[in-house]
């Protein structure tokens, strides 16, 4: 197996670049304008609904702000949840156990109404823990949706970026707002798209407040997969039914009455979204599920809607800045779109062009044939097409996603893959093909990946805050690397199949090592450098250009 991984690495090395990557004395200047702002992870901002993310909580006014979701355990809420239509025959025994469990919880706490977090704490206690562990994500979401009480119209989610424990959130949002201000005449008008969220109506409150606190005039653009389907079929009055079908979101009209009415009105005016985009300075795609977001803006034949076409045209006219967070960033690609999967399963199974499996689909037996919750899946026709150069991935080093991106780009013969770390953003000038990195961590570039049955390898670059250069669908070139950076405070790890061991260990290359090998369970990673590799330390991180990386799965040696 060692010979196999090195042979794949050698094949990757033989894929020569069209031109050298130059880290020093670059003739390229950093671009002053960027139409795309791609954020590599979830924005962990302080809010009235997430006080555990706040440094101080005295600003939270419980009389005017939403602080929790409240659930009702009376028969009025429970009986619709237990209907046969919601539970296939093979899951009705679980349904009956749920009925008994809800009675147990109600009798234990002696209350009809309780906050969601209290309900979850009670449900995961010893008596009902076995049932909780048997429920799929789909079933748990369905339970919460049916028990949730209507949101009071005078209560709004409030966000306070300055009180966020995670200081990356305000810094990243300010970078996005700064780009939006470049094309605005004053305070930028920013549209928020929550179509990637399972419950797009609930997410609207948080994200509009987030953008407003960051300095924007924020409005919700109420498109999602259910609206797209309703407009095609002229079924806008059936939105609540379509949400269950396309989002696994139930009874949202009852819970979010104002947002529902707003979305129905939007749905009935097919040009409403185009008009909103025409008056916007920026648009922000919130986190969630990239496949769900894709379904909101393309039709079943993968043709763009009028709304997506309007976004694309205004971006190319340099009149609209487009931002995306995590799944919202991944979905921007015009290359094959990653929709699910872990590095471990990518190495074991390869990549599948298939509908992504639902989380924990193994528990309710809803996984597509030959797939499991961790299978690597992709859409071959890509995402929204706003980032034309490469397949995108996010939370990249933090979740050890090098192997999954190498597998996917090799399987689809995609020359370039880009992985953005958490707490990091990639700024892209699509008009002049330039990029810049900002944030706490870095961005990885996977170039010319190849794979075999149980191994994958590619040329590899890793750059951090302040790096900039040119980008094409083949590679990055004329790269300028920073020489300073923030000090890394997290403890290093060597685990690379789900954690950031690959990047932590990269520091060895900046200490003039030409190779290192990591082993985790049945997996092995090898990184090679030579005289063509450029190495540059910045703070506590090591940046490299023209290194090689390979990962192999060696099940026989783990027996």
Protein backbone atom coordinates (compact mmCIF):
# COMPACT_ATOMS: atom_id res chain seq x y z
CA UNK A 1 0.00 0.00 0.00
CA UNK A 2 2.90 2.37 0.68
CA UNK A 3 4.06 1.77 -2.88
CA UNK A 4 0.54 2.48 -4.11
CA UNK A 5 0.19 5.86 -2.45
CA UNK A 6 3.63 6.96 -3.62
CA UNK A 7 2.86 5.86 -7.17
CA UNK A 8 -0.29 7.96 -7.15
CA UNK A 9 1.74 10.87 -5.79
CA UNK A 10 4.24 10.41 -8.57
CA UNK A 11 1.44 10.52 -11.12
CA UNK A 12 0.19 13.75 -9.59
CA UNK A 13 3.67 15.25 -9.81
CA UNK A 14 3.81 14.41 -13.51
CA UNK A 15 0.83 16.70 -14.16
CA UNK A 16 2.94 19.79 -14.79
CA UNK A 17 1.49 23.27 -14.36
CA UNK A 18 0.96 25.56 -17.32
CA UNK A 19 3.26 28.05 -15.56
CA UNK A 20 5.20 28.33 -12.32
CA UNK A 21 3.59 29.55 -9.13
CA UNK A 22 5.62 32.51 -7.86
CA UNK A 23 5.39 33.29 -4.18
CA UNK A 24 7.96 36.10 -4.15
CA UNK A 25 8.46 39.17 -6.32
CA UNK A 26 5.01 38.74 -7.79
CA UNK A 27 4.01 41.17 -10.51
CA UNK A 28 0.36 40.75 -9.52
CA UNK A 29 -1.24 43.41 -7.34
CA UNK A 30 -3.98 42.57 -4.86
CA UNK A 31 -7.38 43.29 -6.37
CA UNK A 32 -9.24 46.26 -4.96
CA UNK A 33 -12.68 44.86 -5.76
CA UNK A 34 -14.23 41.48 -5.14
CA UNK A 35 -17.61 40.28 -6.33
CA UNK A 36 -17.57 37.04 -4.30
CA UNK A 37 -17.04 36.66 -0.54
CA UNK A 38 -16.87 32.97 0.42
CA UNK A 39 -16.88 32.21 4.16
CA UNK A 40 -15.57 28.78 5.12
CA UNK A 41 -17.65 28.05 8.21
CA UNK A 42 -20.71 28.86 10.26
CA UNK A 43 -20.76 32.34 11.79
CA UNK A 44 -20.93 31.67 15.54
CA UNK A 45 -22.51 34.98 16.51
CA UNK A 46 -23.96 36.05 19.84
CA UNK A 47 -27.75 36.31 19.70
CA UNK A 48 -30.79 36.36 21.94
CA UNK A 49 -31.43 32.74 20.85
CA UNK A 50 -27.83 31.66 21.52
CA UNK A 51 -26.75 33.39 24.72
CA UNK A 52 -24.08 30.71 25.22
CA UNK A 53 -22.20 32.38 22.34
CA UNK A 54 -22.17 35.74 24.14
CA UNK A 55 -19.56 37.32 26.38
CA UNK A 56 -22.18 39.40 28.19
CA UNK A 57 -25.94 38.75 28.18
CA UNK A 58 -27.29 41.81 30.00
CA UNK A 59 -28.33 43.36 26.67
CA UNK A 60 -30.91 40.60 26.05
CA UNK A 61 -34.43 41.91 26.70
CA UNK A 62 -36.68 38.91 27.30
CA UNK A 63 -39.80 41.06 26.91
CA UNK A 64 -39.06 42.01 23.29
CA UNK A 65 -36.59 39.41 21.98
CA UNK A 66 -36.95 35.74 21.06
CA UNK A 67 -34.86 33.66 23.43
CA UNK A 68 -36.10 30.12 22.71
CA UNK A 69 -38.51 27.93 20.80
CA UNK A 70 -41.40 26.81 22.99
CA UNK A 71 -43.02 23.39 22.66
CA UNK A 72 -46.52 22.34 23.69
CA UNK A 73 -47.25 18.81 24.95
CA UNK A 74 -51.05 19.03 24.96
CA UNK A 75 -53.17 16.76 22.76
CA UNK A 76 -53.80 19.61 20.31
CA UNK A 77 -50.13 19.50 19.31
CA UNK A 78 -49.31 15.84 19.93
CA UNK A 79 -52.16 14.12 18.05
CA UNK A 80 -51.28 15.53 14.56
CA UNK A 81 -47.70 14.36 15.11
CA UNK A 82 -48.84 10.76 15.60
CA UNK A 83 -50.86 10.53 12.38
CA UNK A 84 -50.20 7.43 10.25
CA UNK A 85 -49.42 9.59 7.20
CA UNK A 86 -46.23 10.81 8.90
CA UNK A 87 -44.97 7.40 10.00
CA UNK A 88 -44.36 4.57 7.52
CA UNK A 89 -45.54 1.15 8.66
CA UNK A 90 -42.08 0.00 9.69
CA UNK A 91 -41.68 3.02 12.01
CA UNK A 92 -45.04 2.95 13.77
CA UNK A 93 -43.66 1.01 16.69
CA UNK A 94 -41.24 3.91 17.20
CA UNK A 95 -44.22 6.28 16.85
CA UNK A 96 -46.04 4.45 19.64
CA UNK A 97 -42.94 4.62 21.85
CA UNK A 98 -42.83 8.35 21.16
CA UNK A 99 -46.44 8.74 22.31
CA UNK A 100 -45.57 7.06 25.60
CA UNK A 101 -42.35 9.06 25.97
CA UNK A 102 -44.18 12.38 25.58
CA UNK A 103 -46.59 11.32 28.34
CA UNK A 104 -43.63 10.38 30.54
CA UNK A 105 -41.95 13.76 30.02
CA UNK A 106 -45.18 15.68 30.59
CA UNK A 107 -45.89 13.81 33.83
CA UNK A 108 -42.31 14.28 35.01
CA UNK A 109 -42.11 18.04 34.52
CA UNK A 110 -45.79 18.72 35.28
CA UNK A 111 -45.92 21.41 32.56
CA UNK A 112 -47.69 21.61 29.21
CA UNK A 113 -45.28 24.16 27.70
CA UNK A 114 -41.49 24.09 27.89
CA UNK A 115 -38.45 25.49 26.02
CA UNK A 116 -36.95 23.30 23.31
CA UNK A 117 -33.64 22.94 25.15
CA UNK A 118 -35.45 21.69 28.29
CA UNK A 119 -37.44 19.24 26.17
CA UNK A 120 -34.26 17.85 24.64
CA UNK A 121 -32.62 17.53 28.06
CA UNK A 122 -35.65 15.60 29.33
CA UNK A 123 -35.83 13.41 26.23
CA UNK A 124 -32.19 12.37 26.54
CA UNK A 125 -32.52 11.23 30.15
CA UNK A 126 -32.16 7.54 30.92
CA UNK A 127 -35.81 6.48 30.55
CA UNK A 128 -36.20 7.82 26.99
CA UNK A 129 -32.57 8.00 25.83
CA UNK A 130 -32.88 4.73 23.89
CA UNK A 131 -35.76 6.19 21.88
CA UNK A 132 -33.88 9.43 21.20
CA UNK A 133 -30.94 7.42 19.84
CA UNK A 134 -33.32 5.50 17.53
CA UNK A 135 -34.77 8.58 15.84
CA UNK A 136 -33.43 9.90 12.55
CA UNK A 137 -32.79 13.61 12.06
CA UNK A 138 -35.89 13.75 9.87
CA UNK A 139 -38.05 12.28 12.62
CA UNK A 140 -36.62 14.51 15.35
CA UNK A 141 -37.16 17.64 13.26
CA UNK A 142 -40.72 16.51 12.55
CA UNK A 143 -41.38 16.10 16.28
CA UNK A 144 -40.06 19.57 17.14
CA UNK A 145 -41.96 21.20 14.26
CA UNK A 146 -45.30 19.71 15.32
CA UNK A 147 -44.86 20.62 18.98
CA UNK A 148 -43.57 24.15 18.36
CA UNK A 149 -45.84 27.00 19.37
CA UNK A 150 -46.46 30.06 17.16
CA UNK A 151 -43.82 32.78 17.33
CA UNK A 152 -45.18 35.95 18.90
CA UNK A 153 -45.32 38.69 16.23
CA UNK A 154 -43.70 41.28 18.51
CA UNK A 155 -40.68 39.09 19.29
CA UNK A 156 -37.58 39.19 17.08
CA UNK A 157 -34.21 37.47 17.21
CA UNK A 158 -31.52 40.00 18.09
CA UNK A 159 -27.82 39.62 17.21
CA UNK A 160 -24.95 41.39 18.99
CA UNK A 161 -21.73 40.80 17.06
CA UNK A 162 -19.58 42.80 19.45
CA UNK A 163 -20.54 40.52 22.36
CA UNK A 164 -19.68 37.34 20.42
CA UNK A 165 -17.25 35.04 22.19
CA UNK A 166 -15.98 34.02 18.76
CA UNK A 167 -14.39 37.21 17.43
CA UNK A 168 -14.15 35.76 13.92
CA UNK A 169 -17.86 36.36 13.31
CA UNK A 170 -17.77 40.19 13.51
CA UNK A 171 -14.49 40.34 11.56
CA UNK A 172 -15.81 38.20 8.71
CA UNK A 173 -19.12 40.04 8.53
CA UNK A 174 -17.35 43.40 8.47
CA UNK A 175 -15.24 42.19 5.54
CA UNK A 176 -18.41 41.26 3.65
CA UNK A 177 -20.09 44.59 4.46
CA UNK A 178 -16.95 46.46 3.33
CA UNK A 179 -17.23 44.83 -0.10
CA UNK A 180 -20.95 45.66 -0.22
CA UNK A 181 -20.22 49.30 0.60
CA UNK A 182 -17.93 49.47 -2.42
CA UNK A 183 -20.93 49.24 -4.77
CA UNK A 184 -23.42 51.18 -2.62
CA UNK A 185 -24.06 54.89 -2.26
CA UNK A 186 -24.15 54.62 1.53
CA UNK A 187 -25.41 51.97 3.90
CA UNK A 188 -25.60 48.86 1.70
CA UNK A 189 -28.88 47.14 0.93
CA UNK A 190 -28.28 43.42 1.51
CA UNK A 191 -30.67 40.59 0.64
CA UNK A 192 -30.54 37.47 2.82
CA UNK A 193 -31.28 34.07 1.26
CA UNK A 194 -32.04 31.31 3.78
CA UNK A 195 -32.97 28.69 1.17
CA UNK A 196 -30.21 26.33 2.36
CA UNK A 197 -31.84 26.07 5.80
CA UNK A 198 -34.30 23.29 6.58
CA UNK A 199 -36.61 25.90 8.12
CA UNK A 200 -35.98 28.91 5.92
CA UNK A 201 -38.63 30.97 7.71
CA UNK A 202 -37.04 30.54 11.13
CA UNK A 203 -33.55 31.28 9.77
CA UNK A 204 -34.73 34.56 8.21
CA UNK A 205 -34.99 36.31 11.57
CA UNK A 206 -31.47 35.43 12.67
CA UNK A 207 -29.72 36.31 9.42
CA UNK A 208 -31.50 39.61 8.80
CA UNK A 209 -30.59 40.64 12.35
CA UNK A 210 -26.99 39.47 11.80
CA UNK A 211 -26.57 41.56 8.65
CA UNK A 212 -28.30 44.56 10.22
CA UNK A 213 -25.99 44.44 13.23
CA UNK A 214 -23.02 44.26 10.84
CA UNK A 215 -24.09 47.56 9.25
CA UNK A 216 -26.51 46.75 6.43
CA UNK A 217 -30.09 47.47 5.52
CA UNK A 218 -31.04 43.80 5.55
CA UNK A 219 -34.10 42.26 3.88
CA UNK A 220 -35.19 38.66 3.45
CA UNK A 221 -35.35 37.32 -0.11
CA UNK A 222 -37.96 34.58 0.49
CA UNK A 223 -36.91 32.10 -2.19
CA UNK A 224 -36.39 28.44 -1.32
CA UNK A 225 -36.89 25.04 -2.95
CA UNK A 226 -40.58 24.95 -1.96
CA UNK A 227 -41.21 28.37 -3.53
CA UNK A 228 -39.34 27.38 -6.70
CA UNK A 229 -41.48 24.24 -7.00
CA UNK A 230 -44.66 26.17 -6.20
CA UNK A 231 -43.96 28.78 -8.88
CA UNK A 232 -43.31 26.11 -11.50
CA UNK A 233 -46.54 24.29 -10.63
CA UNK A 234 -48.64 27.38 -9.77
CA UNK A 235 -49.15 26.02 -6.24
CA UNK A 236 -48.24 29.02 -4.08
CA UNK A 237 -51.27 28.43 -1.85
CA UNK A 238 -49.84 24.98 -1.03
CA UNK A 239 -46.48 26.21 0.26
CA UNK A 240 -46.85 24.61 3.67
CA UNK A 241 -47.36 21.20 2.07
CA UNK A 242 -44.43 21.73 -0.29
CA UNK A 243 -42.14 22.69 2.61
CA UNK A 244 -42.64 19.24 4.08
CA UNK A 245 -41.80 17.66 0.73
CA UNK A 246 -38.75 19.76 -0.17
CA UNK A 247 -37.40 20.87 3.23
CA UNK A 248 -38.72 18.31 5.72
CA UNK A 249 -40.25 21.34 7.49
CA UNK A 250 -43.73 20.93 8.95
CA UNK A 251 -46.48 23.35 10.00
CA UNK A 252 -44.35 26.41 9.39
CA UNK A 253 -47.36 28.53 8.41
CA UNK A 254 -48.82 27.95 11.88
CA UNK A 255 -45.54 28.79 13.65
CA UNK A 256 -44.25 31.65 11.46
CA UNK A 257 -47.47 33.24 10.24
CA UNK A 258 -45.98 36.58 9.17
CA UNK A 259 -43.04 35.02 7.34
CA UNK A 260 -45.37 32.52 5.66
CA UNK A 261 -47.65 35.27 4.36
CA UNK A 262 -44.61 37.19 3.12
CA UNK A 263 -43.37 34.13 1.26
CA UNK A 264 -46.76 33.37 -0.30
CA UNK A 265 -47.00 36.94 -1.61
CA UNK A 266 -43.46 36.65 -3.01
CA UNK A 267 -44.33 33.31 -4.62
CA UNK A 268 -47.34 34.75 -6.44
CA UNK A 269 -45.22 37.47 -8.07
CA UNK A 270 -42.61 35.59 -10.18
CA UNK A 271 -40.64 38.79 -10.87
CA UNK A 272 -40.52 39.94 -7.24
CA UNK A 273 -37.08 38.42 -6.68
CA UNK A 274 -35.64 39.98 -9.82
CA UNK A 275 -36.94 43.37 -8.70
CA UNK A 276 -35.41 42.95 -5.25
CA UNK A 277 -32.03 42.02 -6.75
CA UNK A 278 -32.15 45.09 -9.03
CA UNK A 279 -32.27 47.33 -5.94
CA UNK A 280 -29.69 45.44 -3.86
CA UNK A 281 -25.99 46.09 -3.32
CA UNK A 282 -25.25 42.60 -2.02
CA UNK A 283 -26.82 39.22 -1.43
CA UNK A 284 -25.88 36.76 1.30
CA UNK A 285 -26.49 33.00 1.10
CA UNK A 286 -26.86 31.59 4.61
CA UNK A 287 -25.62 28.21 5.83
CA UNK A 288 -27.58 24.97 5.66
CA UNK A 289 -27.54 22.37 2.88
CA UNK A 290 -25.96 23.22 -0.48
CA UNK A 291 -28.13 20.78 -2.41
CA UNK A 292 -31.25 22.41 -0.96
CA UNK A 293 -29.96 25.84 -1.98
CA UNK A 294 -29.26 24.61 -5.49
CA UNK A 295 -32.86 23.38 -5.73
CA UNK A 296 -34.11 26.88 -4.92
CA UNK A 297 -32.41 28.59 -7.85
CA UNK A 298 -32.34 26.00 -10.63
CA UNK A 299 -35.13 23.96 -12.17
CA UNK A 300 -35.15 20.13 -12.35
CA UNK A 301 -33.27 20.35 -15.69
CA UNK A 302 -30.49 22.36 -13.96
CA UNK A 303 -31.46 25.52 -15.82
CA UNK A 304 -31.13 28.78 -13.85
CA UNK A 305 -34.24 30.63 -12.77
CA UNK A 306 -34.77 34.25 -13.76
CA UNK A 307 -33.72 35.17 -10.23
CA UNK A 308 -30.36 33.40 -10.48
CA UNK A 309 -29.78 34.90 -13.92
CA UNK A 310 -30.39 38.38 -12.49
CA UNK A 311 -27.93 37.74 -9.65
CA UNK A 312 -25.30 36.48 -12.10
CA UNK A 313 -25.70 39.44 -14.46
CA UNK A 314 -25.52 42.09 -11.75
CA UNK A 315 -22.43 40.39 -10.31
CA UNK A 316 -20.74 40.46 -13.73
CA UNK A 317 -21.67 44.14 -14.04
CA UNK A 318 -19.85 44.70 -10.73
CA UNK A 319 -23.05 46.06 -9.22
CA UNK A 320 -23.76 43.22 -6.78
CA UNK A 321 -21.53 41.53 -4.19
CA UNK A 322 -22.41 37.91 -3.45
CA UNK A 323 -21.51 36.34 -0.12
CA UNK A 324 -21.97 32.81 1.13
CA UNK A 325 -21.44 31.07 4.46
CA UNK A 326 -20.33 27.41 4.59
CA UNK A 327 -22.97 25.56 2.51
CA UNK A 328 -23.89 28.91 0.99
CA UNK A 329 -20.28 29.22 -0.19
CA UNK A 330 -19.95 25.61 -1.39
CA UNK A 331 -23.06 26.05 -3.56
CA UNK A 332 -21.44 28.88 -5.57
CA UNK A 333 -19.41 26.50 -7.72
CA UNK A 334 -19.90 26.01 -11.43
CA UNK A 335 -18.01 22.70 -11.19
CA UNK A 336 -19.30 19.43 -9.67
CA UNK A 337 -21.04 20.22 -6.38
CA UNK A 338 -20.18 18.29 -3.23
CA UNK A 339 -23.46 17.44 -1.50
CA UNK A 340 -22.47 15.03 1.27
CA UNK A 341 -19.77 12.82 2.67
CA UNK A 342 -16.77 12.32 4.91
CA UNK A 343 -13.15 11.73 3.98
CA UNK A 344 -13.28 8.26 5.53
CA UNK A 345 -16.18 7.12 3.39
CA UNK A 346 -14.73 8.87 0.34
CA UNK A 347 -11.61 6.70 0.58
CA UNK A 348 -13.64 3.52 1.14
CA UNK A 349 -16.39 4.01 -1.45
CA UNK A 350 -15.28 6.75 -3.84
CA UNK A 351 -17.63 9.48 -5.08
CA UNK A 352 -21.23 8.90 -6.21
CA UNK A 353 -23.30 11.04 -8.55
CA UNK A 354 -26.53 10.66 -6.58
CA UNK A 355 -29.07 12.41 -4.40
CA UNK A 356 -27.44 13.05 -1.01
CA UNK A 357 -28.59 10.80 1.84
CA UNK A 358 -30.40 12.43 4.74
CA UNK A 359 -28.51 12.67 8.06
CA UNK A 360 -28.96 9.49 10.12
CA UNK A 361 -30.98 7.93 7.29
CA UNK A 362 -29.79 4.52 8.46
CA UNK A 363 -31.97 4.82 11.56
CA UNK A 364 -35.28 5.12 9.70
CA UNK A 365 -34.13 3.10 6.66
CA UNK A 366 -34.49 5.98 4.19
CA UNK A 367 -30.95 5.98 2.76
CA UNK A 368 -30.84 5.75 -1.04
CA UNK A 369 -29.72 2.39 -2.36
CA UNK A 370 -26.05 1.57 -1.66
CA UNK A 371 -25.55 4.81 0.28
CA UNK A 372 -25.12 5.55 3.96
CA UNK A 373 -25.20 8.84 5.92
CA UNK A 374 -21.47 9.42 5.30
CA UNK A 375 -21.32 8.55 1.58
CA UNK A 376 -19.60 11.08 -0.69
CA UNK A 377 -22.16 12.35 -3.19
CA UNK A 378 -22.12 15.15 -5.73
CA UNK A 379 -24.16 16.83 -8.43
CA UNK A 380 -22.28 16.50 -11.73
CA UNK A 381 -23.78 19.69 -13.23
CA UNK A 382 -22.49 21.89 -10.45
CA UNK A 383 -24.04 24.49 -8.20
CA UNK A 384 -25.09 28.09 -8.84
CA UNK A 385 -22.24 28.76 -11.28
CA UNK A 386 -21.07 32.02 -9.70
CA UNK A 387 -17.57 30.65 -8.93
CA UNK A 388 -16.47 29.17 -12.27
CA UNK A 389 -13.00 27.89 -11.42
CA UNK A 390 -13.24 24.91 -9.10
CA UNK A 391 -15.25 22.62 -6.88
CA UNK A 392 -15.61 24.28 -3.48
CA UNK A 393 -15.51 22.87 0.04
CA UNK A 394 -15.77 24.52 3.46
CA UNK A 395 -14.78 23.89 7.10
CA UNK A 396 -11.96 22.27 5.20
CA UNK A 397 -8.89 21.62 7.33
CA UNK A 398 -10.99 21.72 10.48
CA UNK A 399 -12.95 18.64 9.41
CA UNK A 400 -10.11 16.92 7.56
CA UNK A 401 -11.75 17.13 4.15
CA UNK A 402 -8.64 16.84 1.98
CA UNK A 403 -9.35 13.23 1.05
CA UNK A 404 -12.97 13.88 0.09
CA UNK A 405 -12.04 16.81 -2.16
CA UNK A 406 -9.22 14.85 -3.81
CA UNK A 407 -11.56 11.90 -4.38
CA UNK A 408 -14.28 14.06 -5.88
CA UNK A 409 -12.08 16.15 -8.16
CA UNK A 410 -10.28 13.00 -9.34
CA UNK A 411 -13.53 11.14 -10.02
CA UNK A 412 -15.01 14.06 -11.96
CA UNK A 413 -11.75 15.04 -13.68
CA UNK A 414 -12.02 18.52 -12.18
CA UNK A 415 -8.59 20.13 -12.34
CA UNK A 416 -8.96 22.42 -9.32
CA UNK A 417 -10.59 22.06 -5.90
CA UNK A 418 -10.67 24.83 -3.29
CA UNK A 419 -11.17 24.19 0.42
CA UNK A 420 -11.82 27.14 2.75
CA UNK A 421 -11.14 26.72 6.46
CA UNK A 422 -13.46 27.74 9.26
CA UNK A 423 -13.14 31.39 10.41
CA UNK A 424 -11.66 32.26 7.00
CA UNK A 425 -12.96 33.85 3.83
CA UNK A 426 -11.89 33.80 0.21
CA UNK A 427 -12.39 37.06 -1.68
CA UNK A 428 -12.68 36.61 -5.45
CA UNK A 429 -12.56 39.16 -8.25
CA UNK A 430 -14.28 37.13 -10.97
CA UNK A 431 -13.91 39.96 -13.49
CA UNK A 432 -10.11 39.87 -13.31
CA UNK A 433 -9.57 36.31 -12.02
CA UNK A 434 -7.91 37.27 -8.75
CA UNK A 435 -8.26 36.02 -5.18
CA UNK A 436 -7.32 37.08 -1.66
CA UNK A 437 -7.49 35.25 1.67
CA UNK A 438 -8.65 36.79 4.94
CA UNK A 439 -9.25 35.32 8.37
CA UNK A 440 -7.86 33.22 11.16
CA UNK A 441 -6.89 30.11 9.16
CA UNK A 442 -6.32 29.44 5.47
CA UNK A 443 -7.37 28.08 2.09
CA UNK A 444 -6.22 24.85 0.41
CA UNK A 445 -5.97 24.29 -3.34
CA UNK A 446 -6.12 20.72 -4.68
CA UNK A 447 -4.65 20.56 -8.20
CA UNK A 448 -4.77 17.74 -10.74
CA UNK A 449 -6.00 15.04 -8.37
CA UNK A 450 -5.78 11.40 -9.39
CA UNK A 451 -7.05 8.32 -7.60
CA UNK A 452 -6.86 4.56 -7.54
CA UNK A 453 -9.11 2.02 -5.82
CA UNK A 454 -7.99 2.93 -2.30
CA UNK A 455 -5.78 6.01 -2.73
CA UNK A 456 -5.92 9.60 -3.97
CA UNK A 457 -3.24 12.24 -4.47
CA UNK A 458 -2.73 15.72 -5.88
CA UNK A 459 -0.53 18.77 -6.01
CA UNK A 460 -1.36 20.89 -2.99
CA UNK A 461 -1.12 24.56 -1.95
CA UNK A 462 -2.02 26.08 1.41
CA UNK A 463 -2.10 29.86 1.96
CA UNK A 464 -3.23 32.03 4.87
CA UNK A 465 -4.49 35.51 5.77
CA UNK A 466 -3.17 38.14 3.36
CA UNK A 467 -2.20 35.80 0.52
CA UNK A 468 -3.33 36.86 -2.94
CA UNK A 469 -2.79 35.98 -6.57
CA UNK A 470 -4.39 34.94 -9.85
CA UNK A 471 -6.85 32.08 -10.23
CA UNK A 472 -8.03 30.06 -13.22
CA UNK A 473 -9.74 26.73 -13.70
CA UNK A 474 -6.28 25.13 -13.85
CA UNK A 475 -4.41 26.51 -10.84
CA UNK A 476 -3.44 29.59 -8.88
CA UNK A 477 -0.45 31.60 -10.13
CA UNK A 478 1.57 34.70 -9.26
CA UNK A 479 0.87 34.13 -5.59
CA UNK A 480 2.15 36.52 -2.93
CA UNK A 481 2.44 34.90 0.50
CA UNK A 482 2.31 36.85 3.78
CA UNK A 483 5.25 36.57 6.16
CA UNK A 484 3.31 37.38 9.32
CA UNK A 485 0.15 36.00 10.85
CA UNK A 486 -1.74 35.36 14.04
CA UNK A 487 -0.41 32.96 16.62
CA UNK A 488 -2.16 29.59 16.66
CA UNK A 489 -3.46 28.90 20.16
CA UNK A 490 -5.19 25.54 19.64
CA UNK A 491 -3.36 22.37 20.60
CA UNK A 492 -2.00 20.60 17.50
CA UNK A 493 -3.23 17.19 16.40
CA UNK A 494 -2.01 14.52 14.00
CA UNK A 495 -5.53 13.27 13.25
CA UNK A 496 -6.37 14.13 9.63
CA UNK A 497 -9.59 12.20 8.81
CA UNK A 498 -12.01 14.61 10.44
CA UNK A 499 -9.61 17.00 12.18
CA UNK A 500 -6.90 19.48 11.11
CA UNK A 501 -3.89 17.21 11.57
CA UNK A 502 -2.78 17.70 7.95
CA UNK A 503 -2.34 21.46 8.37
CA UNK A 504 -0.91 21.23 11.89
CA UNK A 505 1.70 18.76 10.62
CA UNK A 506 2.49 20.95 7.62
CA UNK A 507 4.70 22.99 9.96
CA UNK A 508 7.29 20.23 9.55
CA UNK A 509 7.70 21.25 5.90
CA UNK A 510 8.57 24.80 6.95
CA UNK A 511 11.26 23.30 9.19
CA UNK A 512 13.01 22.02 6.05
CA UNK A 513 11.54 18.53 6.21
CA UNK A 514 10.78 17.22 2.73
CA UNK A 515 8.11 14.73 3.79
CA UNK A 516 5.98 13.44 6.60
CA UNK A 517 3.53 10.59 7.00
CA UNK A 518 0.52 10.45 9.31
CA UNK A 519 -1.36 7.30 10.25
CA UNK A 520 -4.89 7.23 11.63
CA UNK A 521 -6.65 3.88 11.98
CA UNK A 522 -6.63 2.29 8.51
CA UNK A 523 -5.69 5.54 6.74
CA UNK A 524 -2.30 6.98 5.83
CA UNK A 525 -1.44 10.47 4.60
CA UNK A 526 1.86 11.39 2.98
CA UNK A 527 2.97 14.94 2.15
CA UNK A 528 6.03 15.52 -0.04
CA UNK A 529 8.06 18.63 -0.85
CA UNK A 530 11.04 19.14 -3.15
CA UNK A 531 13.14 21.90 -4.70
CA UNK A 532 10.05 23.20 -6.52
CA UNK A 533 8.07 23.62 -3.29
CA UNK A 534 7.81 27.14 -1.87
CA UNK A 535 7.55 27.28 1.92
CA UNK A 536 6.66 30.30 4.02
CA UNK A 537 5.84 30.53 7.72
CA UNK A 538 3.24 33.07 8.84
CA UNK A 539 2.57 33.24 12.56
CA UNK A 540 2.13 29.66 13.66
CA UNK A 541 1.14 28.27 10.27
CA UNK A 542 3.15 26.93 7.35
CA UNK A 543 2.16 27.95 3.84
CA UNK A 544 3.23 25.82 0.89
CA UNK A 545 3.02 26.00 -2.88
CA UNK A 546 3.71 22.98 -5.08
CA UNK A 547 3.73 20.33 -2.36
CA UNK A 548 2.14 16.92 -2.97
CA UNK A 549 -0.38 15.15 -0.80
CA UNK A 550 -1.71 11.62 -0.92
CA UNK A 551 -4.12 9.59 1.21
CA UNK A 552 -4.54 5.81 1.20
CA UNK A 553 -6.97 3.43 2.86
CA UNK A 554 -5.25 0.26 4.06
CA UNK A 555 -7.95 -1.98 5.55
CA UNK A 556 -5.86 -5.18 5.52
CA UNK A 557 -3.28 -3.64 7.86
CA UNK A 558 -5.99 -2.61 10.34
CA UNK A 559 -7.37 -6.12 10.85
